[in-house]
């Protein structure tokens, strides 16, 4: 009996001591439930002038203030380096990534097929689903499962500086012929680049080619090609390439378009050194907020991609819902990562709309008078749109997408070989 009593008192003493010391372990560490959890989150917005980066940073700050046990450690790389990083990491376990920004449709499909991504269905409540625009989820669903939720959509826009057009005596172009005429008239001014192309970043120039190809081939047929339903063989793809070469030969992009990338091209436009910029709708906000801007933003006109006479539907456009945050299936913090991914997608989607950077995939309500006038112009264009085409590098197989962006750059060189451009595309796209 004495031995049993001694054992009981010893056990009681241990419990009492643990209670007095806050329940810590023998080495003095806190209980696991009170430990800080760090989520490593990756995205591609590196420039502090990028409105989406500001929106993300603000959203993360709010989230951490509401989740005191959670630390969001953010990592960034420029777009092309970012794509390489994500591909390399997910060739393995991607241990240093919990949540990451990526593109849906075919881009994420390989990660889904390799069982690298976490489905979010168990974390999407009815309340959450009721807040999502029904037409915005397709690019994030595979085999009946939802792997992410939308943030915002985009619309490829031709931004025109009306002051430069008036000085050159040019008209805002609604057709390709009018675009060529405007290029010639603006070149006559001598000091202004007609179109800031950002061609050093292949995806910038690829958007221009894709816009021309969409007008030549039609959005429905381009989508069927990107989805693997038909081959890359329509004559319109060649004609689109011929038009891009023609624009280059007419000095539409300046003498050395491959010398400057996305950020430089954006800066050229907002400083009045370029008359036009073909870019996603997110650029509208920078025109108003860039501290280096010297143009009058209210004198910028937003229009759709010029039509090619006798071809296509005016309601076709480049854009749609494809950008989102995803969860690495191997994360050590599944529920925390899933909940943050859902939160940041909604936060970025709504903030993008409210700031005039993108069109939310959530049922946001914002008075139009509070949006910048340029964004309102683009929203009207989007409302008239019927069939959208996502950027090819988010729809094609990753290898084919990389080849595409590289090949487009060769069209802006003195020795552009259109035959080679077409044949190399066929080899990577027309694969069973």
Protein backbone atom coordinates (compact mmCIF):
# COMPACT_ATOMS: atom_id res chain seq x y z
CA UNK A 1 0.00 0.00 0.00
CA UNK A 2 2.85 2.37 0.87
CA UNK A 3 4.44 1.70 -2.52
CA UNK A 4 1.17 2.45 -4.31
CA UNK A 5 0.71 5.66 -2.34
CA UNK A 6 4.26 6.75 -3.13
CA UNK A 7 3.73 6.11 -6.83
CA UNK A 8 0.46 8.07 -6.74
CA UNK A 9 2.09 11.04 -5.01
CA UNK A 10 4.95 10.99 -7.52
CA UNK A 11 2.51 10.99 -10.42
CA UNK A 12 0.46 13.76 -8.81
CA UNK A 13 3.62 15.80 -8.35
CA UNK A 14 4.51 15.48 -12.05
CA UNK A 15 1.04 16.57 -13.12
CA UNK A 16 1.07 19.49 -10.66
CA UNK A 17 4.52 20.58 -11.86
CA UNK A 18 3.44 20.44 -15.51
CA UNK A 19 0.38 22.57 -14.71
CA UNK A 20 2.47 25.14 -12.85
CA UNK A 21 4.95 25.43 -15.70
CA UNK A 22 2.29 25.83 -18.38
CA UNK A 23 2.27 22.22 -19.51
CA UNK A 24 5.70 22.48 -21.16
CA UNK A 25 7.81 19.53 -22.11
CA UNK A 26 10.97 18.57 -20.20
CA UNK A 27 13.09 20.79 -22.47
CA UNK A 28 10.88 23.83 -21.83
CA UNK A 29 9.32 24.01 -25.31
CA UNK A 30 5.68 25.08 -25.75
CA UNK A 31 2.92 22.63 -26.42
CA UNK A 32 2.53 21.73 -30.07
CA UNK A 33 -0.91 23.38 -30.21
CA UNK A 34 0.66 26.72 -29.25
CA UNK A 35 3.55 26.59 -31.70
CA UNK A 36 3.73 29.04 -34.58
CA UNK A 37 2.91 27.49 -37.94
CA UNK A 38 4.78 28.85 -40.96
CA UNK A 39 3.26 28.52 -44.42
CA UNK A 40 5.64 29.08 -47.32
CA UNK A 41 3.70 30.85 -50.08
CA UNK A 42 5.12 31.56 -53.54
CA UNK A 43 3.98 34.01 -56.23
CA UNK A 44 5.38 35.85 -59.25
CA UNK A 45 4.76 39.51 -58.34
CA UNK A 46 8.18 40.94 -57.54
CA UNK A 47 7.86 44.59 -58.48
CA UNK A 48 6.66 46.92 -55.71
CA UNK A 49 4.78 48.99 -58.31
CA UNK A 50 2.68 45.95 -59.20
CA UNK A 51 -0.79 46.53 -57.79
CA UNK A 52 -1.40 42.81 -57.34
CA UNK A 53 1.67 42.55 -55.11
CA UNK A 54 0.33 45.38 -52.95
CA UNK A 55 -3.08 43.71 -52.73
CA UNK A 56 -1.48 40.40 -51.78
CA UNK A 57 0.71 41.97 -49.10
CA UNK A 58 -2.26 43.78 -47.56
CA UNK A 59 -4.38 40.62 -47.57
CA UNK A 60 -1.61 38.58 -45.91
CA UNK A 61 -1.15 41.22 -43.21
CA UNK A 62 -4.88 41.07 -42.41
CA UNK A 63 -4.88 37.28 -42.35
CA UNK A 64 -1.95 37.01 -39.96
CA UNK A 65 -3.53 39.57 -37.63
CA UNK A 66 -6.57 37.28 -37.42
CA UNK A 67 -4.50 34.07 -37.06
CA UNK A 68 -1.88 34.80 -34.41
CA UNK A 69 -0.41 31.30 -34.51
CA UNK A 70 0.23 31.54 -38.27
CA UNK A 71 3.16 33.06 -40.14
CA UNK A 72 2.94 33.54 -43.91
CA UNK A 73 6.45 33.46 -45.37
CA UNK A 74 6.23 34.83 -48.92
CA UNK A 75 8.74 34.04 -51.69
CA UNK A 76 8.78 35.64 -55.15
CA UNK A 77 10.53 35.36 -58.50
CA UNK A 78 10.02 37.07 -61.86
CA UNK A 79 7.53 35.27 -64.12
CA UNK A 80 9.85 33.14 -66.27
CA UNK A 81 12.18 32.23 -63.39
CA UNK A 82 9.09 31.49 -61.32
CA UNK A 83 7.74 29.01 -63.86
CA UNK A 84 11.11 27.23 -63.92
CA UNK A 85 11.24 27.15 -60.13
CA UNK A 86 7.77 25.64 -59.75
CA UNK A 87 8.43 22.98 -62.41
CA UNK A 88 11.73 22.01 -60.79
CA UNK A 89 10.28 21.87 -57.27
CA UNK A 90 7.31 19.72 -58.25
CA UNK A 91 9.55 17.32 -60.09
CA UNK A 92 10.23 16.33 -56.48
CA UNK A 93 8.20 16.85 -53.33
CA UNK A 94 8.40 20.67 -53.39
CA UNK A 95 9.10 20.60 -49.65
CA UNK A 96 9.62 24.37 -49.47
CA UNK A 97 6.18 25.18 -50.90
CA UNK A 98 2.86 25.00 -49.09
CA UNK A 99 0.71 27.34 -51.20
CA UNK A 100 1.64 28.77 -54.58
CA UNK A 101 0.30 31.00 -57.33
CA UNK A 102 -0.23 29.17 -60.63
CA UNK A 103 -2.43 28.92 -63.66
CA UNK A 104 -5.32 26.53 -64.16
CA UNK A 105 -6.53 24.75 -67.30
CA UNK A 106 -3.79 22.64 -68.93
CA UNK A 107 -0.97 24.25 -66.96
CA UNK A 108 -2.06 22.73 -63.66
CA UNK A 109 -3.37 19.52 -65.23
CA UNK A 110 0.03 17.77 -65.18
CA UNK A 111 0.45 18.55 -61.50
CA UNK A 112 -3.02 17.13 -60.86
CA UNK A 113 -2.23 14.01 -62.89
CA UNK A 114 1.02 13.58 -60.97
CA UNK A 115 -0.97 13.77 -57.70
CA UNK A 116 0.94 16.86 -56.55
CA UNK A 117 -2.03 19.10 -55.69
CA UNK A 118 -4.52 18.98 -52.86
CA UNK A 119 -8.23 18.96 -53.77
CA UNK A 120 -10.08 21.62 -51.78
CA UNK A 121 -13.58 20.10 -51.86
CA UNK A 122 -13.48 19.17 -48.15
CA UNK A 123 -12.77 22.80 -47.27
CA UNK A 124 -15.23 24.54 -49.60
CA UNK A 125 -18.39 25.09 -47.57
CA UNK A 126 -21.79 25.89 -49.03
CA UNK A 127 -21.36 29.44 -47.78
CA UNK A 128 -18.11 29.77 -49.73
CA UNK A 129 -19.55 28.21 -52.87
CA UNK A 130 -22.50 30.59 -52.86
CA UNK A 131 -20.06 33.50 -53.17
CA UNK A 132 -18.35 32.16 -56.32
CA UNK A 133 -19.44 33.15 -59.82
CA UNK A 134 -20.61 29.87 -61.41
CA UNK A 135 -18.87 30.49 -64.73
CA UNK A 136 -15.50 31.13 -63.09
CA UNK A 137 -14.52 27.65 -61.82
CA UNK A 138 -13.94 25.56 -64.96
CA UNK A 139 -10.18 26.10 -65.19
CA UNK A 140 -9.68 24.74 -61.65
CA UNK A 141 -11.71 21.53 -61.80
CA UNK A 142 -10.36 18.14 -62.87
CA UNK A 143 -12.05 14.75 -62.83
CA UNK A 144 -14.92 16.05 -60.72
CA UNK A 145 -12.70 17.61 -58.07
CA UNK A 146 -11.97 21.26 -57.32
CA UNK A 147 -8.29 21.99 -56.82
CA UNK A 148 -8.49 25.75 -56.49
CA UNK A 149 -10.92 28.65 -56.68
CA UNK A 150 -10.79 31.70 -58.96
CA UNK A 151 -9.23 35.00 -58.01
CA UNK A 152 -9.74 37.35 -60.95
CA UNK A 153 -10.08 37.26 -64.72
CA UNK A 154 -8.41 39.45 -67.31
CA UNK A 155 -9.13 40.92 -70.73
CA UNK A 156 -6.41 41.57 -73.30
CA UNK A 157 -6.67 45.26 -74.14
CA UNK A 158 -5.19 47.68 -76.63
CA UNK A 159 -4.32 50.78 -74.58
CA UNK A 160 -3.94 53.95 -76.68
CA UNK A 161 -2.58 57.35 -75.63
CA UNK A 162 -5.08 59.68 -77.26
CA UNK A 163 -2.73 62.69 -77.00
CA UNK A 164 -0.07 60.98 -79.12
CA UNK A 165 -2.67 59.78 -81.63
CA UNK A 166 -4.00 63.31 -82.03
CA UNK A 167 -0.50 64.72 -82.46
CA UNK A 168 0.20 62.12 -85.16
CA UNK A 169 -3.17 62.66 -86.85
CA UNK A 170 -3.96 58.96 -86.37
CA UNK A 171 -7.25 57.26 -85.53
CA UNK A 172 -7.73 54.81 -82.66
CA UNK A 173 -7.61 51.52 -84.62
CA UNK A 174 -10.54 49.16 -84.86
CA UNK A 175 -9.04 47.11 -87.74
CA UNK A 176 -5.59 45.74 -88.50
CA UNK A 177 -5.28 48.07 -91.51
CA UNK A 178 -6.00 51.06 -89.27
CA UNK A 179 -3.40 49.75 -86.82
CA UNK A 180 -0.76 49.66 -89.56
CA UNK A 181 -1.73 53.19 -90.64
CA UNK A 182 -1.43 54.44 -87.06
CA UNK A 183 2.00 52.81 -86.71
CA UNK A 184 3.25 54.67 -89.78
CA UNK A 185 1.83 58.02 -88.64
CA UNK A 186 3.26 57.66 -85.13
CA UNK A 187 6.66 56.68 -86.51
CA UNK A 188 6.62 59.95 -88.46
CA UNK A 189 6.69 61.80 -85.12
CA UNK A 190 10.20 60.42 -84.70
CA UNK A 191 10.42 60.32 -80.89
CA UNK A 192 7.72 57.84 -79.88
CA UNK A 193 7.55 54.04 -80.19
CA UNK A 194 4.19 53.02 -81.67
CA UNK A 195 3.70 49.87 -79.52
CA UNK A 196 5.59 49.03 -76.32
CA UNK A 197 6.01 45.27 -76.78
CA UNK A 198 8.11 44.08 -73.80
CA UNK A 199 9.40 41.36 -76.15
CA UNK A 200 12.37 40.44 -73.95
CA UNK A 201 9.77 38.63 -71.85
CA UNK A 202 8.44 36.11 -74.33
CA UNK A 203 4.95 36.01 -72.86
CA UNK A 204 4.49 39.72 -73.66
CA UNK A 205 5.12 39.21 -77.36
CA UNK A 206 3.22 35.92 -77.30
CA UNK A 207 0.08 37.78 -76.21
CA UNK A 208 0.33 39.98 -79.31
CA UNK A 209 0.74 36.95 -81.58
CA UNK A 210 -2.12 35.14 -79.84
CA UNK A 211 -4.37 38.15 -80.35
CA UNK A 212 -3.61 38.20 -84.08
CA UNK A 213 -4.08 34.43 -84.35
CA UNK A 214 -7.39 34.66 -82.49
CA UNK A 215 -8.63 37.25 -84.99
CA UNK A 216 -7.45 35.07 -87.90
CA UNK A 217 -8.66 31.67 -86.67
CA UNK A 218 -11.52 32.54 -84.33
CA UNK A 219 -11.67 31.96 -80.59
CA UNK A 220 -13.67 28.74 -80.78
CA UNK A 221 -11.16 27.07 -83.10
CA UNK A 222 -8.17 28.28 -81.07
CA UNK A 223 -9.75 26.80 -77.94
CA UNK A 224 -10.32 23.48 -79.70
CA UNK A 225 -6.66 23.45 -80.73
CA UNK A 226 -5.47 24.27 -77.21
CA UNK A 227 -7.71 21.52 -75.80
CA UNK A 228 -6.27 18.98 -78.25
CA UNK A 229 -9.51 18.51 -80.16
CA UNK A 230 -8.04 19.67 -83.48
CA UNK A 231 -4.49 20.10 -84.79
CA UNK A 232 -2.42 23.24 -85.07
CA UNK A 233 -2.88 23.48 -88.84
CA UNK A 234 -5.25 26.36 -89.65
CA UNK A 235 -3.75 28.78 -92.18
CA UNK A 236 -4.67 31.58 -89.79
CA UNK A 237 -1.77 30.68 -87.49
CA UNK A 238 0.65 31.41 -90.30
CA UNK A 239 -1.20 34.59 -91.25
CA UNK A 240 -1.02 35.75 -87.65
CA UNK A 241 2.75 35.20 -87.68
CA UNK A 242 3.03 37.08 -90.97
CA UNK A 243 1.22 40.04 -89.45
CA UNK A 244 3.50 40.07 -86.41
CA UNK A 245 6.53 40.08 -88.72
CA UNK A 246 4.94 42.86 -90.74
CA UNK A 247 4.48 44.96 -87.61
CA UNK A 248 8.11 44.34 -86.64
CA UNK A 249 9.31 45.33 -90.12
CA UNK A 250 7.24 48.52 -89.91
CA UNK A 251 9.08 49.40 -86.65
CA UNK A 252 5.84 49.09 -84.70
CA UNK A 253 7.83 47.85 -81.68
CA UNK A 254 10.84 50.12 -82.08
CA UNK A 255 14.26 49.21 -83.46
CA UNK A 256 15.22 46.64 -80.81
CA UNK A 257 12.05 45.23 -79.18
CA UNK A 258 13.92 42.31 -77.61
CA UNK A 259 15.99 44.69 -75.49
CA UNK A 260 13.19 45.56 -73.06
CA UNK A 261 10.83 43.42 -71.01
CA UNK A 262 7.45 43.79 -69.36
CA UNK A 263 8.35 46.37 -66.72
CA UNK A 264 10.25 48.55 -69.18
CA UNK A 265 7.38 48.42 -71.68
CA UNK A 266 4.85 49.40 -69.03
CA UNK A 267 7.08 52.29 -68.00
CA UNK A 268 7.49 53.42 -71.63
CA UNK A 269 3.74 53.75 -71.98
CA UNK A 270 3.03 55.54 -68.69
CA UNK A 271 5.85 58.01 -69.37
CA UNK A 272 4.51 58.83 -72.84
CA UNK A 273 7.35 57.18 -74.75
CA UNK A 274 4.99 54.73 -76.48
CA UNK A 275 1.60 55.34 -78.04
CA UNK A 276 0.14 51.86 -77.50
CA UNK A 277 0.44 48.89 -75.17
CA UNK A 278 -1.22 45.49 -75.71
CA UNK A 279 -1.59 44.06 -72.23
CA UNK A 280 -4.01 42.47 -69.78
CA UNK A 281 -6.65 44.58 -68.07
CA UNK A 282 -4.57 44.61 -64.87
CA UNK A 283 -2.37 47.27 -66.52
CA UNK A 284 -5.21 49.81 -66.25
CA UNK A 285 -4.52 50.37 -62.59
CA UNK A 286 -0.81 51.06 -63.09
CA UNK A 287 -1.64 53.82 -65.55
CA UNK A 288 -3.34 55.65 -62.68
CA UNK A 289 -1.05 54.71 -59.81
CA UNK A 290 2.53 54.52 -61.16
CA UNK A 291 4.49 57.33 -59.50
CA UNK A 292 6.69 57.63 -62.59
CA UNK A 293 3.71 58.21 -64.88
CA UNK A 294 3.70 61.49 -66.75
CA UNK A 295 0.75 60.92 -69.10
CA UNK A 296 -2.82 61.98 -68.38
CA UNK A 297 -4.59 58.69 -67.55
CA UNK A 298 -7.94 60.15 -68.50
CA UNK A 299 -6.59 60.56 -72.04
CA UNK A 300 -5.91 56.82 -72.40
CA UNK A 301 -8.45 54.84 -74.42
CA UNK A 302 -9.04 51.11 -73.91
CA UNK A 303 -10.24 49.15 -76.94
CA UNK A 304 -10.43 45.54 -78.04
CA UNK A 305 -7.92 43.88 -80.33
CA UNK A 306 -8.41 45.29 -83.86
CA UNK A 307 -10.40 43.12 -86.23
CA UNK A 308 -8.93 41.62 -89.38
CA UNK A 309 -11.24 42.61 -92.21
CA UNK A 310 -13.56 39.82 -93.28
CA UNK A 311 -12.61 37.45 -90.47
CA UNK A 312 -13.68 36.48 -86.96
CA UNK A 313 -16.27 37.63 -84.47
CA UNK A 314 -15.93 40.93 -82.65
CA UNK A 315 -17.16 39.24 -79.46
CA UNK A 316 -14.08 36.97 -79.37
CA UNK A 317 -11.43 38.05 -76.90
CA UNK A 318 -8.26 36.90 -75.14
CA UNK A 319 -8.72 36.44 -71.40
CA UNK A 320 -10.69 34.63 -68.72
CA UNK A 321 -10.34 33.05 -65.26
CA UNK A 322 -7.13 31.06 -64.87
CA UNK A 323 -4.99 32.65 -62.13
CA UNK A 324 -5.19 31.23 -58.64
CA UNK A 325 -3.42 29.94 -55.53
CA UNK A 326 -3.03 26.17 -55.10
CA UNK A 327 -1.99 23.84 -52.27
CA UNK A 328 0.90 21.40 -52.39
CA UNK A 329 -0.49 17.97 -51.48
CA UNK A 330 2.62 17.19 -49.44
CA UNK A 331 2.23 20.22 -47.16
CA UNK A 332 2.59 19.41 -43.47
CA UNK A 333 -0.29 21.80 -42.70
CA UNK A 334 -3.13 20.70 -44.95
CA UNK A 335 -6.05 22.48 -43.30
CA UNK A 336 -4.14 25.72 -42.67
CA UNK A 337 -2.84 25.78 -46.25
CA UNK A 338 -6.25 25.01 -47.75
CA UNK A 339 -8.00 27.67 -45.69
CA UNK A 340 -5.39 30.26 -46.59
CA UNK A 341 -5.58 29.39 -50.31
CA UNK A 342 -9.34 29.88 -50.29
CA UNK A 343 -9.00 33.13 -48.36
CA UNK A 344 -6.26 34.62 -50.57
CA UNK A 345 -8.11 33.77 -53.80
CA UNK A 346 -11.23 35.58 -52.61
CA UNK A 347 -9.23 38.46 -51.13
CA UNK A 348 -7.19 39.00 -54.30
CA UNK A 349 -10.25 38.61 -56.54
CA UNK A 350 -12.30 41.19 -54.65
CA UNK A 351 -9.40 43.58 -54.09
CA UNK A 352 -8.42 43.33 -57.76
CA UNK A 353 -11.91 44.43 -58.78
CA UNK A 354 -12.20 47.17 -56.18
CA UNK A 355 -8.81 48.60 -57.23
CA UNK A 356 -9.49 48.27 -60.95
CA UNK A 357 -6.89 45.53 -61.55
CA UNK A 358 -9.05 42.55 -62.50
CA UNK A 359 -12.56 41.12 -62.65
CA UNK A 360 -13.37 39.13 -59.53
CA UNK A 361 -14.52 35.52 -59.63
CA UNK A 362 -16.54 36.29 -56.50
CA UNK A 363 -19.86 38.09 -56.16
CA UNK A 364 -18.31 41.44 -55.44
CA UNK A 365 -20.49 44.50 -55.54
CA UNK A 366 -18.73 47.79 -56.20
CA UNK A 367 -20.13 51.11 -57.36
CA UNK A 368 -18.81 51.90 -60.84
CA UNK A 369 -18.18 55.52 -59.84
CA UNK A 370 -15.47 54.26 -57.45
CA UNK A 371 -13.54 52.46 -60.20
CA UNK A 372 -11.08 54.22 -62.46
CA UNK A 373 -12.67 55.22 -65.79
CA UNK A 374 -10.24 53.10 -67.82
CA UNK A 375 -11.21 49.96 -65.94
CA UNK A 376 -14.88 50.75 -66.51
CA UNK A 377 -14.17 50.98 -70.26
CA UNK A 378 -12.60 47.51 -70.19
CA UNK A 379 -15.46 46.07 -68.16
CA UNK A 380 -17.87 47.20 -70.87
CA UNK A 381 -15.71 45.43 -73.47
CA UNK A 382 -15.74 42.27 -71.37
CA UNK A 383 -19.53 42.38 -70.99
CA UNK A 384 -19.77 42.39 -74.81
CA UNK A 385 -17.44 39.40 -75.02
CA UNK A 386 -18.76 35.93 -75.70
CA UNK A 387 -15.84 33.53 -76.27
CA UNK A 388 -12.55 33.98 -74.46
CA UNK A 389 -9.17 32.36 -75.14
CA UNK A 390 -6.80 31.89 -72.21
CA UNK A 391 -3.12 32.72 -72.68
CA UNK A 392 -1.50 29.84 -74.53
CA UNK A 393 1.18 29.32 -71.91
CA UNK A 394 -1.57 28.52 -69.40
CA UNK A 395 -3.38 26.15 -71.76
CA UNK A 396 -0.67 24.21 -73.57
CA UNK A 397 1.50 21.49 -72.09
CA UNK A 398 4.30 23.26 -70.15
CA UNK A 399 6.98 22.18 -72.65
CA UNK A 400 4.90 23.32 -75.62
CA UNK A 401 4.11 26.58 -73.81
CA UNK A 402 7.81 27.31 -73.26
CA UNK A 403 8.63 26.53 -76.89
CA UNK A 404 5.80 28.78 -78.04
CA UNK A 405 7.01 31.78 -76.03
CA UNK A 406 10.56 31.29 -77.31
CA UNK A 407 9.53 30.87 -80.95
CA UNK A 408 7.44 34.04 -80.97
CA UNK A 409 10.53 36.06 -80.08
CA UNK A 410 12.26 34.86 -83.26
CA UNK A 411 9.53 36.60 -85.27
CA UNK A 412 10.97 39.92 -84.09
CA UNK A 413 14.38 39.40 -85.64
CA UNK A 414 15.71 40.36 -89.10
CA UNK A 415 15.92 36.69 -90.13
CA UNK A 416 12.44 35.64 -89.00
CA UNK A 417 11.59 32.22 -90.46
CA UNK A 418 7.82 31.75 -90.50
CA UNK A 419 8.03 28.25 -91.99
CA UNK A 420 10.23 27.13 -89.10
CA UNK A 421 7.90 28.88 -86.64
CA UNK A 422 4.91 26.89 -87.89
CA UNK A 423 6.67 23.53 -88.19
CA UNK A 424 8.16 23.72 -84.70
CA UNK A 425 4.75 24.55 -83.28
CA UNK A 426 3.27 21.52 -84.99
CA UNK A 427 5.93 19.25 -83.46
CA UNK A 428 5.12 20.26 -79.89
CA UNK A 429 1.37 20.88 -80.18
CA UNK A 430 0.21 18.13 -82.55
CA UNK A 431 1.29 15.37 -80.18
CA UNK A 432 -1.06 12.52 -79.37
